[in-house]
């Protein structure tokens, strides 16, 4: 549905000009896209590239932070978080809990992103421990540290909860630290996908090359 709406809006490019004789010989290019056009939501650098080629190139430049999301209620925000993780070149996204998740908000960016599954928080914590990655939980609970002041390691797992209930007690207990986003209005919390975007951008602001 997302790709069809993009095509309706004239997003992307049409067939490569000049026909097959003019096609680039670089193996990263997808012959079908060269022939029919590329209406995907990708940056110009990757126009006409195959999915496999894009993933391979992103693997060369991914950042050393991971994103983990608890999935107990089939939260619609998960897809949006995956899309943001792709935008900021996260190393991988980890789905904790139910294996199936709502992909609609991802806008097919999960094709280019490594997505792993863990049956529960204990499994995620074990994986993070094996890889020497501290878990940074994000929730505005008592004892959390303001994100602005908190240490945000270069290599880490950013752990987010469900819309509404936030992180489970098990997730908070497994975290090496808990950070919260400073707010100034009347609402108790902000949207889970928005919170994830803020924290990922803060990681990029501190650690990513410009």
Protein backbone atom coordinates (compact mmCIF):
# COMPACT_ATOMS: atom_id res chain seq x y z
CA UNK A 1 0.00 0.00 0.00
CA UNK A 2 2.79 2.41 0.86
CA UNK A 3 4.60 1.85 -2.42
CA UNK A 4 1.40 2.23 -4.41
CA UNK A 5 0.58 5.55 -2.76
CA UNK A 6 4.11 6.80 -3.46
CA UNK A 7 3.68 5.94 -7.12
CA UNK A 8 0.36 7.78 -7.21
CA UNK A 9 2.13 10.86 -5.85
CA UNK A 10 4.88 10.65 -8.45
CA UNK A 11 7.56 9.77 -5.92
CA UNK A 12 10.78 8.27 -7.26
CA UNK A 13 11.97 7.88 -10.82
CA UNK A 14 10.78 6.18 -13.99
CA UNK A 15 12.64 3.65 -16.15
CA UNK A 16 16.32 4.27 -16.80
CA UNK A 17 16.56 6.49 -19.90
CA UNK A 18 17.81 4.93 -23.11
CA UNK A 19 16.64 1.37 -22.65
CA UNK A 20 18.66 -1.75 -21.77
CA UNK A 21 21.60 -0.68 -23.92
CA UNK A 22 22.15 2.30 -21.61
CA UNK A 23 21.73 0.44 -18.31
CA UNK A 24 24.67 0.61 -15.87
CA UNK A 25 26.65 -2.63 -15.58
CA UNK A 26 27.10 -2.34 -11.83
CA UNK A 27 25.70 -5.55 -10.26
CA UNK A 28 24.08 -3.53 -7.48
CA UNK A 29 21.41 -2.33 -9.92
CA UNK A 30 18.16 -4.29 -10.20
CA UNK A 31 17.20 -4.99 -13.86
CA UNK A 32 13.49 -4.92 -13.04
CA UNK A 33 13.75 -1.50 -11.44
CA UNK A 34 15.84 -0.20 -14.32
CA UNK A 35 13.12 -1.35 -16.69
CA UNK A 36 10.04 -0.18 -14.78
CA UNK A 37 11.26 2.63 -12.53
CA UNK A 38 11.96 2.92 -8.82
CA UNK A 39 9.08 4.29 -6.71
CA UNK A 40 10.45 3.20 -3.35
CA UNK A 41 11.06 5.53 -0.43
CA UNK A 42 14.85 5.40 -0.65
CA UNK A 43 17.48 8.13 -0.86
CA UNK A 44 18.77 8.99 -4.34
CA UNK A 45 22.05 7.16 -3.69
CA UNK A 46 20.13 3.86 -3.72
CA UNK A 47 17.85 4.46 -6.69
CA UNK A 48 17.53 1.33 -8.84
CA UNK A 49 19.63 -0.72 -6.39
CA UNK A 50 18.39 -4.15 -5.33
CA UNK A 51 17.26 -4.70 -1.74
CA UNK A 52 20.24 -6.97 -1.15
CA UNK A 53 22.67 -4.34 -2.42
CA UNK A 54 21.16 -1.66 -0.20
CA UNK A 55 21.35 -3.90 2.86
CA UNK A 56 24.98 -4.73 2.10
CA UNK A 57 25.90 -1.07 1.78
CA UNK A 58 24.06 -0.18 5.00
CA UNK A 59 25.95 -2.97 6.77
CA UNK A 60 29.14 -1.06 6.00
CA UNK A 61 27.92 2.07 7.78
CA UNK A 62 25.59 0.96 10.57
CA UNK A 63 26.02 2.52 14.01
CA UNK A 64 26.86 0.37 17.05
CA UNK A 65 23.59 0.95 18.90
CA UNK A 66 20.72 -1.52 18.89
CA UNK A 67 17.02 -0.86 19.40
CA UNK A 68 14.82 -3.24 21.37
CA UNK A 69 11.04 -3.06 21.70
CA UNK A 70 8.78 -5.02 24.01
CA UNK A 71 5.94 -6.54 21.99
CA UNK A 72 3.12 -7.79 24.20
CA UNK A 73 0.14 -5.92 22.71
CA UNK A 74 0.88 -5.84 18.94
CA UNK A 75 1.65 -2.13 19.30
CA UNK A 76 1.24 -0.06 16.13
CA UNK A 77 4.27 2.01 17.17
CA UNK A 78 6.69 -0.84 16.53
CA UNK A 79 6.66 -0.31 12.78
CA UNK A 80 7.40 3.39 13.20
CA UNK A 81 10.28 2.62 15.55
CA UNK A 82 11.73 0.20 12.99
CA UNK A 83 11.48 2.91 10.34
CA UNK A 84 13.33 5.38 12.56
CA UNK A 85 15.99 2.77 13.40
CA UNK A 86 16.57 2.40 9.67
CA UNK A 87 16.81 6.17 9.22
CA UNK A 88 19.51 6.41 11.90
CA UNK A 89 21.29 3.23 10.72
CA UNK A 90 20.89 1.22 13.90
CA UNK A 91 22.86 -2.00 13.96
CA UNK A 92 19.71 -4.07 14.52
CA UNK A 93 16.18 -4.01 15.91
CA UNK A 94 15.19 -6.59 18.54
CA UNK A 95 11.56 -7.58 19.03
CA UNK A 96 11.01 -8.86 22.57
CA UNK A 97 7.95 -11.00 23.26
CA UNK A 98 5.51 -11.88 20.50
CA UNK A 99 7.31 -12.75 17.28
CA UNK A 100 4.67 -11.21 15.03
CA UNK A 101 4.55 -7.43 14.98
CA UNK A 102 2.59 -4.81 13.07
CA UNK A 103 4.73 -3.87 10.07
CA UNK A 104 2.47 -1.20 8.62
CA UNK A 105 4.32 1.73 10.17
CA UNK A 106 7.67 0.41 8.98
CA UNK A 107 6.81 1.39 5.39
CA UNK A 108 8.83 -1.65 4.18
CA UNK A 109 12.05 -0.32 5.77
CA UNK A 110 12.34 -3.64 7.62
CA UNK A 111 13.58 -5.05 4.30
CA UNK A 112 16.80 -3.11 4.81
CA UNK A 113 17.11 -3.57 8.57
CA UNK A 114 18.33 -6.52 10.63
CA UNK A 115 15.40 -7.57 12.83
CA UNK A 116 15.92 -10.18 15.55
CA UNK A 117 13.50 -11.82 17.97
CA UNK A 118 13.82 -12.70 21.66
CA UNK A 119 11.01 -14.57 23.44
CA UNK A 120 11.36 -12.55 26.64
CA UNK A 121 13.42 -9.89 28.41
CA UNK A 122 15.70 -12.51 29.98
CA UNK A 123 16.71 -13.71 26.51
CA UNK A 124 17.45 -10.15 25.37
CA UNK A 125 19.48 -9.48 28.51
CA UNK A 126 21.47 -12.68 27.97
CA UNK A 127 22.19 -11.71 24.36
CA UNK A 128 23.24 -8.18 25.38
CA UNK A 129 25.51 -9.58 28.08
CA UNK A 130 27.19 -11.95 25.63
CA UNK A 131 27.93 -9.00 23.34
CA UNK A 132 29.05 -6.63 26.09
CA UNK A 133 26.22 -4.17 25.41
CA UNK A 134 24.62 -2.28 28.32
CA UNK A 135 20.84 -1.94 28.19
CA UNK A 136 19.53 1.62 28.37
CA UNK A 137 15.82 1.54 29.19
CA UNK A 138 13.69 4.54 28.28
CA UNK A 139 10.77 5.30 30.60
CA UNK A 140 9.73 8.19 32.84
CA UNK A 141 9.64 6.19 36.06
CA UNK A 142 10.94 7.13 39.52
CA UNK A 143 14.71 6.92 39.61
CA UNK A 144 15.21 7.54 35.89
CA UNK A 145 17.90 9.99 34.78
CA UNK A 146 17.20 12.92 32.48
CA UNK A 147 18.34 11.95 28.97
CA UNK A 148 20.18 15.26 28.66
CA UNK A 149 22.37 14.40 31.64
CA UNK A 150 22.53 10.62 31.26
CA UNK A 151 25.46 8.62 29.97
CA UNK A 152 24.58 7.13 26.59
CA UNK A 153 27.23 4.57 25.65
CA UNK A 154 28.38 4.27 22.07
CA UNK A 155 27.67 0.56 22.04
CA UNK A 156 24.35 -0.15 23.74
CA UNK A 157 20.82 -1.46 23.47
CA UNK A 158 18.09 1.18 23.66
CA UNK A 159 15.04 -0.53 25.15
CA UNK A 160 11.51 0.81 24.66
CA UNK A 161 8.16 -0.33 26.02
CA UNK A 162 4.58 -0.42 24.83
CA UNK A 163 2.37 2.57 24.25
CA UNK A 164 0.53 3.25 27.50
CA UNK A 165 2.01 0.86 30.06
CA UNK A 166 5.61 1.54 29.14
CA UNK A 167 8.30 -0.95 30.08
CA UNK A 168 7.51 -4.04 32.12
CA UNK A 169 9.05 -4.47 35.59
CA UNK A 170 11.21 -7.25 34.12
CA UNK A 171 12.61 -4.89 31.50
CA UNK A 172 13.38 -2.17 34.04
CA UNK A 173 15.10 -4.70 36.28
CA UNK A 174 17.25 -5.96 33.39
CA UNK A 175 18.40 -2.47 32.39
CA UNK A 176 21.81 -1.13 33.31
CA UNK A 177 20.32 2.36 33.48
CA UNK A 178 16.96 4.05 32.92
CA UNK A 179 16.62 7.41 31.19
CA UNK A 180 13.65 9.71 30.71
CA UNK A 181 12.85 12.49 28.25
CA UNK A 182 12.31 15.88 29.86
CA UNK A 183 8.77 17.22 29.31
CA UNK A 184 7.17 20.57 30.00
CA UNK A 185 3.46 20.18 29.22
CA UNK A 186 0.49 18.54 30.92
CA UNK A 187 0.67 15.05 29.41
CA UNK A 188 2.27 12.33 31.52
CA UNK A 189 4.05 10.69 28.60
CA UNK A 190 4.71 11.05 24.89
CA UNK A 191 4.07 8.63 22.07
CA UNK A 192 6.36 5.59 22.13
CA UNK A 193 7.52 6.07 18.53
CA UNK A 194 8.25 9.75 19.19
CA UNK A 195 10.22 8.88 22.32
CA UNK A 196 12.28 6.35 20.38
CA UNK A 197 13.06 8.91 17.68
CA UNK A 198 14.21 11.45 20.28
CA UNK A 199 16.55 9.01 22.01
CA UNK A 200 17.99 7.65 18.77
CA UNK A 201 18.65 11.17 17.55
CA UNK A 202 20.36 12.00 20.84
CA UNK A 203 22.63 8.99 20.31
CA UNK A 204 23.41 10.21 16.78
CA UNK A 205 24.05 13.75 18.02
CA UNK A 206 26.64 12.48 20.48
CA UNK A 207 28.33 9.67 18.58
CA UNK A 208 27.74 9.70 14.82
CA UNK A 209 30.11 11.20 12.30
CA UNK A 210 28.74 14.24 10.52
